[in-house]
Amino acid sequence: MKLNLFLYGLLVICVSFICAKPLQEGQLAKKNVWERHRIKRQFSLNLGATHEDGYGTDVNAEAIASLWKSTSGNTKLDGSATYTQHFGGLAGDGKPRIAGLLTFSHNY
């Protein structure tokens, strides 16, 4: 059950990056549909787990990406999503913690 929640959360994070609009509008003018979907995107996906005997295991996942950038480059929107959960130990399994962050910035 908990692994299913983790995989579902990871799927939601990945789908949002795959379905995002491209950063450069000029790329949309291409006529070939397959070329349009092969736009280079830069994002970071970090997965980790830490285990201590008698305490349990902490599992975490984080995705960070640049979602939108203006043509002038002065304005941009970045986003990130995180998932953490503790398994095992004296306290038992913890509840999953899921968080998201949107950062809008404009340089004058």
PDB file of N, CA and C in Angstrom:
ATOM      1  N   MET A   1       0.826  -1.197   0.000  1.00  0.00           N
ATOM      2  CA  MET A   1       0.000   0.000   0.000  1.00  0.00           C
ATOM      3  C   MET A   1       0.870   1.260   0.000  1.00  0.00           C
ATOM      4  N   LYS A   2       1.885   1.268   0.877  1.00  0.00           N
ATOM      5  CA  LYS A   2       2.731   2.455   0.977  1.00  0.00           C
ATOM      6  C   LYS A   2       3.610   2.609  -0.245  1.00  0.00           C
ATOM      7  N   LEU A   3       4.040   1.464  -0.796  1.00  0.00           N
ATOM      8  CA  LEU A   3       4.827   1.527  -2.023  1.00  0.00           C
ATOM      9  C   LEU A   3       3.961   2.048  -3.162  1.00  0.00           C
ATOM     10  N   ASN A   4       2.678   1.673  -3.173  1.00  0.00           N
ATOM     11  CA  ASN A   4       1.766   2.179  -4.196  1.00  0.00           C
ATOM     12  C   ASN A   4       1.615   3.695  -4.100  1.00  0.00           C
ATOM     13  N   LEU A   5       1.507   4.223  -2.885  1.00  0.00           N
ATOM     14  CA  LEU A   5       1.408   5.673  -2.714  1.00  0.00           C
ATOM     15  C   LEU A   5       2.673   6.367  -3.187  1.00  0.00           C
ATOM     16  N   PHE A   6       3.820   5.778  -2.884  1.00  0.00           N
ATOM     17  CA  PHE A   6       5.093   6.349  -3.326  1.00  0.00           C
ATOM     18  C   PHE A   6       5.172   6.365  -4.852  1.00  0.00           C
ATOM     19  N   LEU A   7       4.829   5.241  -5.488  1.00  0.00           N
ATOM     20  CA  LEU A   7       4.882   5.171  -6.949  1.00  0.00           C
ATOM     21  C   LEU A   7       3.867   6.114  -7.590  1.00  0.00           C
ATOM     22  N   TYR A   8       2.691   6.243  -6.989  1.00  0.00           N
ATOM     23  CA  TYR A   8       1.690   7.166  -7.508  1.00  0.00           C
ATOM     24  C   TYR A   8       2.191   8.607  -7.424  1.00  0.00           C
ATOM     25  N   GLY A   9       2.794   8.967  -6.303  1.00  0.00           N
ATOM     26  CA  GLY A   9       3.347  10.319  -6.158  1.00  0.00           C
ATOM     27  C   GLY A   9       4.445  10.587  -7.160  1.00  0.00           C
ATOM     28  N   LEU A  10       5.320   9.607  -7.382  1.00  0.00           N
ATOM     29  CA  LEU A  10       6.392   9.751  -8.362  1.00  0.00           C
ATOM     30  C   LEU A  10       5.822   9.892  -9.768  1.00  0.00           C
ATOM     31  N   LEU A  11       4.769   9.144 -10.070  1.00  0.00           N
ATOM     32  CA  LEU A  11       4.121   9.245 -11.378  1.00  0.00           C
ATOM     33  C   LEU A  11       3.526  10.633 -11.585  1.00  0.00           C
ATOM     34  N   VAL A  12       2.873  11.181 -10.581  1.00  0.00           N
ATOM     35  CA  VAL A  12       2.282  12.522 -10.686  1.00  0.00           C
ATOM     36  C   VAL A  12       3.361  13.557 -10.945  1.00  0.00           C
ATOM     37  N   ILE A  13       4.490  13.433 -10.264  1.00  0.00           N
ATOM     38  CA  ILE A  13       5.593  14.374 -10.453  1.00  0.00           C
ATOM     39  C   ILE A  13       6.134  14.288 -11.873  1.00  0.00           C
ATOM     40  N   CYS A  14       6.369  13.068 -12.359  1.00  0.00           N
ATOM     41  CA  CYS A  14       6.959  12.891 -13.692  1.00  0.00           C
ATOM     42  C   CYS A  14       6.011  13.328 -14.803  1.00  0.00           C
ATOM     43  N   VAL A  15       4.725  13.020 -14.672  1.00  0.00           N
ATOM     44  CA  VAL A  15       3.758  13.387 -15.709  1.00  0.00           C
ATOM     45  C   VAL A  15       3.657  14.895 -15.850  1.00  0.00           C
ATOM     46  N   SER A  16       3.745  15.620 -14.744  1.00  0.00           N
ATOM     47  CA  SER A  16       3.647  17.077 -14.833  1.00  0.00           C
ATOM     48  C   SER A  16       4.802  17.663 -15.630  1.00  0.00           C
ATOM     49  N   PHE A  17       5.980  17.058 -15.563  1.00  0.00           N
ATOM     50  CA  PHE A  17       7.122  17.560 -16.323  1.00  0.00           C
ATOM     51  C   PHE A  17       7.037  17.151 -17.787  1.00  0.00           C
ATOM     52  N   ILE A  18       6.506  15.970 -18.067  1.00  0.00           N
ATOM     53  CA  ILE A  18       6.395  15.506 -19.448  1.00  0.00           C
ATOM     54  C   ILE A  18       5.351  16.317 -20.205  1.00  0.00           C
ATOM     55  N   CYS A  19       4.254  16.675 -19.548  1.00  0.00           N
ATOM     56  CA  CYS A  19       3.157  17.388 -20.204  1.00  0.00           C
ATOM     57  C   CYS A  19       3.323  18.901 -20.189  1.00  0.00           C
ATOM     58  N   ALA A  20       4.384  19.409 -19.592  1.00  0.00           N
ATOM     59  CA  ALA A  20       4.587  20.858 -19.516  1.00  0.00           C
ATOM     60  C   ALA A  20       4.857  21.441 -20.897  1.00  0.00           C
ATOM     61  N   LYS A  21       4.477  22.694 -21.094  1.00  0.00           N
ATOM     62  CA  LYS A  21       4.738  23.373 -22.358  1.00  0.00           C
ATOM     63  C   LYS A  21       6.225  23.646 -22.500  1.00  0.00           C
ATOM     64  N   PRO A  22       6.711  23.713 -23.735  1.00  0.00           N
ATOM     65  CA  PRO A  22       8.145  23.962 -23.936  1.00  0.00           C
ATOM     66  C   PRO A  22       8.540  25.363 -23.484  1.00  0.00           C
ATOM     67  N   LEU A  23       9.828  25.513 -23.163  1.00  0.00           N
ATOM     68  CA  LEU A  23      10.327  26.803 -22.708  1.00  0.00           C
ATOM     69  C   LEU A  23      10.493  27.787 -23.849  1.00  0.00           C
ATOM     70  N   GLN A  24      10.719  27.294 -25.068  1.00  0.00           N
ATOM     71  CA  GLN A  24      10.942  28.167 -26.212  1.00  0.00           C
ATOM     72  C   GLN A  24       9.762  28.058 -27.169  1.00  0.00           C
ATOM     73  N   GLU A  25       9.122  29.178 -27.448  1.00  0.00           N
ATOM     74  CA  GLU A  25       7.954  29.180 -28.324  1.00  0.00           C
ATOM     75  C   GLU A  25       8.322  28.846 -29.766  1.00  0.00           C
ATOM     76  N   GLY A  26       9.527  29.144 -30.191  1.00  0.00           N
ATOM     77  CA  GLY A  26       9.941  28.864 -31.561  1.00  0.00           C
ATOM     78  C   GLY A  26       9.921  27.381 -31.887  1.00  0.00           C
ATOM     79  N   GLN A  27      10.034  26.541 -30.890  1.00  0.00           N
ATOM     80  CA  GLN A  27      10.032  25.101 -31.108  1.00  0.00           C
ATOM     81  C   GLN A  27       8.642  24.597 -31.517  1.00  0.00           C
ATOM     82  N   LEU A  28       7.595  25.330 -31.172  1.00  0.00           N
ATOM     83  CA  LEU A  28       6.239  24.894 -31.517  1.00  0.00           C
ATOM     84  C   LEU A  28       5.949  25.005 -33.006  1.00  0.00           C
ATOM     85  N   ALA A  29       6.730  25.777 -33.728  1.00  0.00           N
ATOM     86  CA  ALA A  29       6.480  25.988 -35.145  1.00  0.00           C
ATOM     87  C   ALA A  29       6.855  24.776 -35.990  1.00  0.00           C
ATOM     88  N   LYS A  30       7.562  23.818 -35.448  1.00  0.00           N
ATOM     89  CA  LYS A  30       7.949  22.628 -36.207  1.00  0.00           C
ATOM     90  C   LYS A  30       6.703  21.852 -36.607  1.00  0.00           C
ATOM     91  N   LYS A  31       6.701  21.345 -37.833  1.00  0.00           N
ATOM     92  CA  LYS A  31       5.520  20.653 -38.337  1.00  0.00           C
ATOM     93  C   LYS A  31       5.473  19.196 -37.895  1.00  0.00           C
ATOM     94  N   ASN A  32       6.621  18.571 -37.713  1.00  0.00           N
ATOM     95  CA  ASN A  32       6.663  17.174 -37.332  1.00  0.00           C
ATOM     96  C   ASN A  32       6.306  17.028 -35.850  1.00  0.00           C
ATOM     97  N   VAL A  33       5.275  16.240 -35.570  1.00  0.00           N
ATOM     98  CA  VAL A  33       4.805  16.077 -34.202  1.00  0.00           C
ATOM     99  C   VAL A  33       5.881  15.453 -33.321  1.00  0.00           C
ATOM    100  N   TRP A  34       6.626  14.487 -33.848  1.00  0.00           N
ATOM    101  CA  TRP A  34       7.643  13.804 -33.044  1.00  0.00           C
ATOM    102  C   TRP A  34       8.778  14.747 -32.675  1.00  0.00           C
ATOM    103  N   GLU A  35       9.140  15.659 -33.565  1.00  0.00           N
ATOM    104  CA  GLU A  35      10.191  16.623 -33.252  1.00  0.00           C
ATOM    105  C   GLU A  35       9.713  17.609 -32.187  1.00  0.00           C
ATOM    106  N   ARG A  36       8.446  17.937 -32.214  1.00  0.00           N
ATOM    107  CA  ARG A  36       7.893  18.879 -31.250  1.00  0.00           C
ATOM    108  C   ARG A  36       7.974  18.318 -29.824  1.00  0.00           C
ATOM    109  N   HIS A  37       7.812  17.010 -29.685  1.00  0.00           N
ATOM    110  CA  HIS A  37       7.832  16.400 -28.358  1.00  0.00           C
ATOM    111  C   HIS A  37       9.238  16.088 -27.864  1.00  0.00           C
ATOM    112  N   ARG A  38      10.252  16.296 -28.688  1.00  0.00           N
ATOM    113  CA  ARG A  38      11.622  16.009 -28.282  1.00  0.00           C
ATOM    114  C   ARG A  38      12.365  17.288 -27.912  1.00  0.00           C
ATOM    115  N   ILE A  39      11.674  18.230 -27.324  1.00  0.00           N
ATOM    116  CA  ILE A  39      12.289  19.479 -26.891  1.00  0.00           C
ATOM    117  C   ILE A  39      13.115  19.201 -25.639  1.00  0.00           C
ATOM    118  N   LYS A  40      14.331  19.731 -25.615  1.00  0.00           N
ATOM    119  CA  LYS A  40      15.224  19.499 -24.488  1.00  0.00           C
ATOM    120  C   LYS A  40      14.704  20.221 -23.248  1.00  0.00           C
ATOM    121  N   ARG A  41      14.542  19.468 -22.181  1.00  0.00           N
ATOM    122  CA  ARG A  41      14.121  20.024 -20.901  1.00  0.00           C
ATOM    123  C   ARG A  41      15.188  19.682 -19.870  1.00  0.00           C
ATOM    124  N   GLN A  42      15.397  20.589 -18.973  1.00  0.00           N
ATOM    125  CA  GLN A  42      16.337  20.325 -17.897  1.00  0.00           C
ATOM    126  C   GLN A  42      15.578  20.287 -16.584  1.00  0.00           C
ATOM    127  N   PHE A  43      15.652  19.151 -15.919  1.00  0.00           N
ATOM    128  CA  PHE A  43      15.082  19.043 -14.592  1.00  0.00           C
ATOM    129  C   PHE A  43      15.913  18.056 -13.789  1.00  0.00           C
ATOM    130  N   SER A  44      15.778  18.139 -12.516  1.00  0.00           N
ATOM    131  CA  SER A  44      16.557  17.300 -11.615  1.00  0.00           C
ATOM    132  C   SER A  44      15.605  16.402 -10.839  1.00  0.00           C
ATOM    133  N   LEU A  45      15.925  15.116 -10.789  1.00  0.00           N
ATOM    134  CA  LEU A  45      15.139  14.153 -10.029  1.00  0.00           C
ATOM    135  C   LEU A  45      16.084  13.468  -9.050  1.00  0.00           C
ATOM    136  N   ASN A  46      15.851  13.659  -7.775  1.00  0.00           N
ATOM    137  CA  ASN A  46      16.712  13.096  -6.730  1.00  0.00           C
ATOM    138  C   ASN A  46      15.929  12.076  -5.917  1.00  0.00           C
ATOM    139  N   LEU A  47      16.495  10.880  -5.759  1.00  0.00           N
ATOM    140  CA  LEU A  47      15.889   9.825  -4.958  1.00  0.00           C
ATOM    141  C   LEU A  47      16.887   9.408  -3.884  1.00  0.00           C
ATOM    142  N   GLY A  48      16.403   9.124  -2.684  1.00  0.00           N
ATOM    143  CA  GLY A  48      17.325   8.724  -1.633  1.00  0.00           C
ATOM    144  C   GLY A  48      16.644   7.934  -0.537  1.00  0.00           C
ATOM    145  N   ALA A  49      17.459   7.180   0.190  1.00  0.00           N
ATOM    146  CA  ALA A  49      16.982   6.419   1.339  1.00  0.00           C
ATOM    147  C   ALA A  49      18.108   6.339   2.361  1.00  0.00           C
ATOM    148  N   THR A  50      17.752   6.474   3.632  1.00  0.00           N
ATOM    149  CA  THR A  50      18.714   6.379   4.723  1.00  0.00           C
ATOM    150  C   THR A  50      18.191   5.369   5.732  1.00  0.00           C
ATOM    151  N   HIS A  51      19.034   4.399   6.096  1.00  0.00           N
ATOM    152  CA  HIS A  51      18.618   3.363   7.043  1.00  0.00           C
ATOM    153  C   HIS A  51      19.538   3.353   8.257  1.00  0.00           C
ATOM    154  N   GLU A  52      18.936   3.260   9.447  1.00  0.00           N
ATOM    155  CA  GLU A  52      19.685   3.096  10.691  1.00  0.00           C
ATOM    156  C   GLU A  52      19.059   1.942  11.461  1.00  0.00           C
ATOM    157  N   ASP A  53      19.898   1.006  11.925  1.00  0.00           N
ATOM    158  CA  ASP A  53      19.398  -0.136  12.692  1.00  0.00           C
ATOM    159  C   ASP A  53      18.670   0.337  13.940  1.00  0.00           C
ATOM    160  N   GLY A  54      17.488  -0.212  14.163  1.00  0.00           N
ATOM    161  CA  GLY A  54      16.694   0.144  15.329  1.00  0.00           C
ATOM    162  C   GLY A  54      15.871   1.406  15.155  1.00  0.00           C
ATOM    163  N   TYR A  55      16.179   2.200  14.166  1.00  0.00           N
ATOM    164  CA  TYR A  55      15.438   3.445  13.948  1.00  0.00           C
ATOM    165  C   TYR A  55      14.501   3.328  12.754  1.00  0.00           C
ATOM    166  N   GLY A  56      14.931   2.690  11.688  1.00  0.00           N
ATOM    167  CA  GLY A  56      14.097   2.535  10.503  1.00  0.00           C
ATOM    168  C   GLY A  56      14.737   3.152   9.281  1.00  0.00           C
ATOM    169  N   THR A  57      13.923   3.381   8.272  1.00  0.00           N
ATOM    170  CA  THR A  57      14.407   3.887   6.987  1.00  0.00           C
ATOM    171  C   THR A  57      13.621   5.127   6.585  1.00  0.00           C
ATOM    172  N   ASP A  58      14.330   6.151   6.173  1.00  0.00           N
ATOM    173  CA  ASP A  58      13.714   7.355   5.617  1.00  0.00           C
ATOM    174  C   ASP A  58      13.877   7.320   4.105  1.00  0.00           C
ATOM    175  N   VAL A  59      12.777   7.474   3.383  1.00  0.00           N
ATOM    176  CA  VAL A  59      12.784   7.482   1.920  1.00  0.00           C
ATOM    177  C   VAL A  59      12.367   8.873   1.460  1.00  0.00           C
ATOM    178  N   ASN A  60      13.073   9.411   0.448  1.00  0.00           N
ATOM    179  CA  ASN A  60      12.697  10.728  -0.067  1.00  0.00           C
ATOM    180  C   ASN A  60      12.893  10.793  -1.570  1.00  0.00           C
ATOM    181  N   ALA A  61      12.105  11.647  -2.186  1.00  0.00           N
ATOM    182  CA  ALA A  61      12.196  11.908  -3.626  1.00  0.00           C
ATOM    183  C   ALA A  61      11.937  13.393  -3.840  1.00  0.00           C
ATOM    184  N   GLU A  62      12.666  13.976  -4.781  1.00  0.00           N
ATOM    185  CA  GLU A  62      12.516  15.404  -5.065  1.00  0.00           C
ATOM    186  C   GLU A  62      12.683  15.631  -6.561  1.00  0.00           C
ATOM    187  N   ALA A  63      11.831  16.457  -7.121  1.00  0.00           N
ATOM    188  CA  ALA A  63      11.922  16.847  -8.529  1.00  0.00           C
ATOM    189  C   ALA A  63      11.930  18.372  -8.603  1.00  0.00           C
ATOM    190  N   ILE A  64      12.874  18.919  -9.371  1.00  0.00           N
ATOM    191  CA  ILE A  64      13.017  20.366  -9.521  1.00  0.00           C
ATOM    192  C   ILE A  64      13.098  20.669 -11.012  1.00  0.00           C
ATOM    193  N   ALA A  65      12.354  21.678 -11.471  1.00  0.00           N
ATOM    194  CA  ALA A  65      12.382  22.009 -12.891  1.00  0.00           C
ATOM    195  C   ALA A  65      12.068  23.480 -13.129  1.00  0.00           C
ATOM    196  N   SER A  66      12.540  23.966 -14.260  1.00  0.00           N
ATOM    197  CA  SER A  66      12.172  25.289 -14.744  1.00  0.00           C
ATOM    198  C   SER A  66      10.926  25.097 -15.600  1.00  0.00           C
ATOM    199  N   LEU A  67       9.797  25.650 -15.181  1.00  0.00           N
ATOM    200  CA  LEU A  67       8.525  25.404 -15.853  1.00  0.00           C
ATOM    201  C   LEU A  67       8.248  26.366 -17.000  1.00  0.00           C
ATOM    202  N   TRP A  68       8.643  27.618 -16.854  1.00  0.00           N
ATOM    203  CA  TRP A  68       8.353  28.619 -17.877  1.00  0.00           C
ATOM    204  C   TRP A  68       9.388  29.718 -17.806  1.00  0.00           C
ATOM    205  N   LYS A  69       9.721  30.281 -18.976  1.00  0.00           N
ATOM    206  CA  LYS A  69      10.659  31.397 -19.048  1.00  0.00           C
ATOM    207  C   LYS A  69      10.196  32.325 -20.157  1.00  0.00           C
ATOM    208  N   SER A  70      10.184  33.633 -19.895  1.00  0.00           N
ATOM    209  CA  SER A  70       9.753  34.598 -20.901  1.00  0.00           C
ATOM    210  C   SER A  70      10.783  34.671 -22.024  1.00  0.00           C
ATOM    211  N   THR A  71      10.369  35.218 -23.160  1.00  0.00           N
ATOM    212  CA  THR A  71      11.279  35.321 -24.301  1.00  0.00           C
ATOM    213  C   THR A  71      12.457  36.234 -23.998  1.00  0.00           C
ATOM    214  N   SER A  72      12.260  37.241 -23.158  1.00  0.00           N
ATOM    215  CA  SER A  72      13.362  38.135 -22.790  1.00  0.00           C
ATOM    216  C   SER A  72      14.282  37.497 -21.748  1.00  0.00           C
ATOM    217  N   GLY A  73      13.808  36.471 -21.069  1.00  0.00           N
ATOM    218  CA  GLY A  73      14.597  35.806 -20.044  1.00  0.00           C
ATOM    219  C   GLY A  73      14.550  36.485 -18.691  1.00  0.00           C
ATOM    220  N   ASN A  74      13.804  37.576 -18.574  1.00  0.00           N
ATOM    221  CA  ASN A  74      13.736  38.304 -17.303  1.00  0.00           C
ATOM    222  C   ASN A  74      12.766  37.681 -16.303  1.00  0.00           C
ATOM    223  N   THR A  75      11.761  36.986 -16.799  1.00  0.00           N
ATOM    224  CA  THR A  75      10.734  36.420 -15.936  1.00  0.00           C
ATOM    225  C   THR A  75      10.732  34.906 -16.081  1.00  0.00           C
ATOM    226  N   LYS A  76      10.630  34.203 -14.955  1.00  0.00           N
ATOM    227  CA  LYS A  76      10.602  32.743 -15.032  1.00  0.00           C
ATOM    228  C   LYS A  76       9.797  32.157 -13.882  1.00  0.00           C
ATOM    229  N   LEU A  77       9.368  30.924 -14.089  1.00  0.00           N
ATOM    230  CA  LEU A  77       8.608  30.179 -13.095  1.00  0.00           C
ATOM    231  C   LEU A  77       9.293  28.832 -12.902  1.00  0.00           C
ATOM    232  N   ASP A  78       9.716  28.559 -11.681  1.00  0.00           N
ATOM    233  CA  ASP A  78      10.353  27.294 -11.336  1.00  0.00           C
ATOM    234  C   ASP A  78       9.435  26.533 -10.388  1.00  0.00           C
ATOM    235  N   GLY A  79       9.535  25.225 -10.408  1.00  0.00           N
ATOM    236  CA  GLY A  79       8.705  24.415  -9.526  1.00  0.00           C
ATOM    237  C   GLY A  79       9.475  23.238  -8.964  1.00  0.00           C
ATOM    238  N   SER A  80       9.022  22.776  -7.815  1.00  0.00           N
ATOM    239  CA  SER A  80       9.622  21.587  -7.218  1.00  0.00           C
ATOM    240  C   SER A  80       8.553  20.825  -6.446  1.00  0.00           C
ATOM    241  N   ALA A  81       8.776  19.525  -6.310  1.00  0.00           N
ATOM    242  CA  ALA A  81       7.877  18.666  -5.545  1.00  0.00           C
ATOM    243  C   ALA A  81       8.730  17.697  -4.735  1.00  0.00           C
ATOM    244  N   THR A  82       8.320  17.426  -3.490  1.00  0.00           N
ATOM    245  CA  THR A  82       9.069  16.512  -2.639  1.00  0.00           C
ATOM    246  C   THR A  82       8.134  15.499  -1.983  1.00  0.00           C
ATOM    247  N   TYR A  83       8.684  14.322  -1.729  1.00  0.00           N
ATOM    248  CA  TYR A  83       7.974  13.249  -1.033  1.00  0.00           C
ATOM    249  C   TYR A  83       8.939  12.664  -0.009  1.00  0.00           C
ATOM    250  N   THR A  84       8.514  12.537   1.242  1.00  0.00           N
ATOM    251  CA  THR A  84       9.322  11.890   2.277  1.00  0.00           C
ATOM    252  C   THR A  84       8.422  11.000   3.122  1.00  0.00           C
ATOM    253  N   GLN A  85       8.996   9.885   3.590  1.00  0.00           N
ATOM    254  CA  GLN A  85       8.247   8.987   4.463  1.00  0.00           C
ATOM    255  C   GLN A  85       9.229   8.140   5.267  1.00  0.00           C
ATOM    256  N   HIS A  86       8.856   7.855   6.513  1.00  0.00           N
ATOM    257  CA  HIS A  86       9.665   7.018   7.401  1.00  0.00           C
ATOM    258  C   HIS A  86       9.025   5.637   7.485  1.00  0.00           C
ATOM    259  N   PHE A  87       9.848   4.590   7.398  1.00  0.00           N
ATOM    260  CA  PHE A  87       9.371   3.211   7.486  1.00  0.00           C
ATOM    261  C   PHE A  87      10.104   2.492   8.614  1.00  0.00           C
ATOM    262  N   GLY A  88       9.363   1.735   9.426  1.00  0.00           N
ATOM    263  CA  GLY A  88       9.960   0.875  10.447  1.00  0.00           C
ATOM    264  C   GLY A  88      10.386   1.613  11.695  1.00  0.00           C
ATOM    265  N   GLY A  89      11.152   0.890  12.532  1.00  0.00           N
ATOM    266  CA  GLY A  89      11.638   1.475  13.774  1.00  0.00           C
ATOM    267  C   GLY A  89      10.637   1.335  14.905  1.00  0.00           C
ATOM    268  N   LEU A  90      10.945   1.934  16.043  1.00  0.00           N
ATOM    269  CA  LEU A  90      10.088   1.837  17.225  1.00  0.00           C
ATOM    270  C   LEU A  90       8.748   2.528  17.035  1.00  0.00           C
ATOM    271  N   ALA A  91       8.736   3.632  16.320  1.00  0.00           N
ATOM    272  CA  ALA A  91       7.497   4.393  16.126  1.00  0.00           C
ATOM    273  C   ALA A  91       6.632   3.823  15.005  1.00  0.00           C
ATOM    274  N   GLY A  92       7.147   2.871  14.255  1.00  0.00           N
ATOM    275  CA  GLY A  92       6.393   2.304  13.150  1.00  0.00           C
ATOM    276  C   GLY A  92       6.500   3.167  11.904  1.00  0.00           C
ATOM    277  N   ASP A  93       5.635   2.880  10.956  1.00  0.00           N
ATOM    278  CA  ASP A  93       5.662   3.623   9.693  1.00  0.00           C
ATOM    279  C   ASP A  93       5.020   4.996   9.867  1.00  0.00           C
ATOM    280  N   GLY A  94       5.645   6.004   9.295  1.00  0.00           N
ATOM    281  CA  GLY A  94       5.113   7.360   9.364  1.00  0.00           C
ATOM    282  C   GLY A  94       4.213   7.663   8.182  1.00  0.00           C
ATOM    283  N   LYS A  95       3.511   8.758   8.275  1.00  0.00           N
ATOM    284  CA  LYS A  95       2.652   9.194   7.177  1.00  0.00           C
ATOM    285  C   LYS A  95       3.509   9.826   6.085  1.00  0.00           C
ATOM    286  N   PRO A  96       3.112   9.658   4.830  1.00  0.00           N
ATOM    287  CA  PRO A  96       3.881  10.309   3.756  1.00  0.00           C
ATOM    288  C   PRO A  96       3.695  11.821   3.806  1.00  0.00           C
ATOM    289  N   ARG A  97       4.757  12.550   3.523  1.00  0.00           N
ATOM    290  CA  ARG A  97       4.708  14.009   3.458  1.00  0.00           C
ATOM    291  C   ARG A  97       5.011  14.424   2.026  1.00  0.00           C
ATOM    292  N   ILE A  98       4.063  15.089   1.412  1.00  0.00           N
ATOM    293  CA  ILE A  98       4.207  15.542   0.031  1.00  0.00           C
ATOM    294  C   ILE A  98       4.091  17.059   0.028  1.00  0.00           C
ATOM    295  N   ALA A  99       5.023  17.711  -0.660  1.00  0.00           N
ATOM    296  CA  ALA A  99       5.024  19.174  -0.694  1.00  0.00           C
ATOM    297  C   ALA A  99       5.366  19.649  -2.100  1.00  0.00           C
ATOM    298  N   GLY A 100       4.890  20.823  -2.434  1.00  0.00           N
ATOM    299  CA  GLY A 100       5.197  21.441  -3.721  1.00  0.00           C
ATOM    300  C   GLY A 100       5.538  22.903  -3.521  1.00  0.00           C
ATOM    301  N   LEU A 101       6.326  23.438  -4.440  1.00  0.00           N
ATOM    302  CA  LEU A 101       6.750  24.829  -4.344  1.00  0.00           C
ATOM    303  C   LEU A 101       6.831  25.421  -5.741  1.00  0.00           C
ATOM    304  N   LEU A 102       6.208  26.577  -5.928  1.00  0.00           N
ATOM    305  CA  LEU A 102       6.331  27.343  -7.168  1.00  0.00           C
ATOM    306  C   LEU A 102       7.065  28.638  -6.846  1.00  0.00           C
ATOM    307  N   THR A 103       8.066  28.963  -7.657  1.00  0.00           N
ATOM    308  CA  THR A 103       8.842  30.185  -7.450  1.00  0.00           C
ATOM    309  C   THR A 103       8.749  31.038  -8.701  1.00  0.00           C
ATOM    310  N   PHE A 104       8.140  32.206  -8.576  1.00  0.00           N
ATOM    311  CA  PHE A 104       8.019  33.157  -9.676  1.00  0.00           C
ATOM    312  C   PHE A 104       9.035  34.261  -9.442  1.00  0.00           C
ATOM    313  N   SER A 105       9.866  34.550 -10.441  1.00  0.00           N
ATOM    314  CA  SER A 105      10.867  35.609 -10.266  1.00  0.00           C
ATOM    315  C   SER A 105      10.939  36.482 -11.513  1.00  0.00           C
ATOM    316  N   HIS A 106      11.235  37.754 -11.280  1.00  0.00           N
ATOM    317  CA  HIS A 106      11.387  38.714 -12.372  1.00  0.00           C
ATOM    318  C   HIS A 106      12.593  39.593 -12.066  1.00  0.00           C
ATOM    319  N   ASN A 107      13.510  39.692 -13.007  1.00  0.00           N
ATOM    320  CA  ASN A 107      14.691  40.544 -12.860  1.00  0.00           C
ATOM    321  C   ASN A 107      14.459  41.857 -13.594  1.00  0.00           C
ATOM    322  N   TYR A 108      14.713  42.958 -12.936  1.00  0.00           N
ATOM    323  CA  TYR A 108      14.509  44.277 -13.531  1.00  0.00           C
ATOM    324  C   TYR A 108      15.761  44.756 -14.204  1.00  0.00           C
TER     325      TYR A 108
END
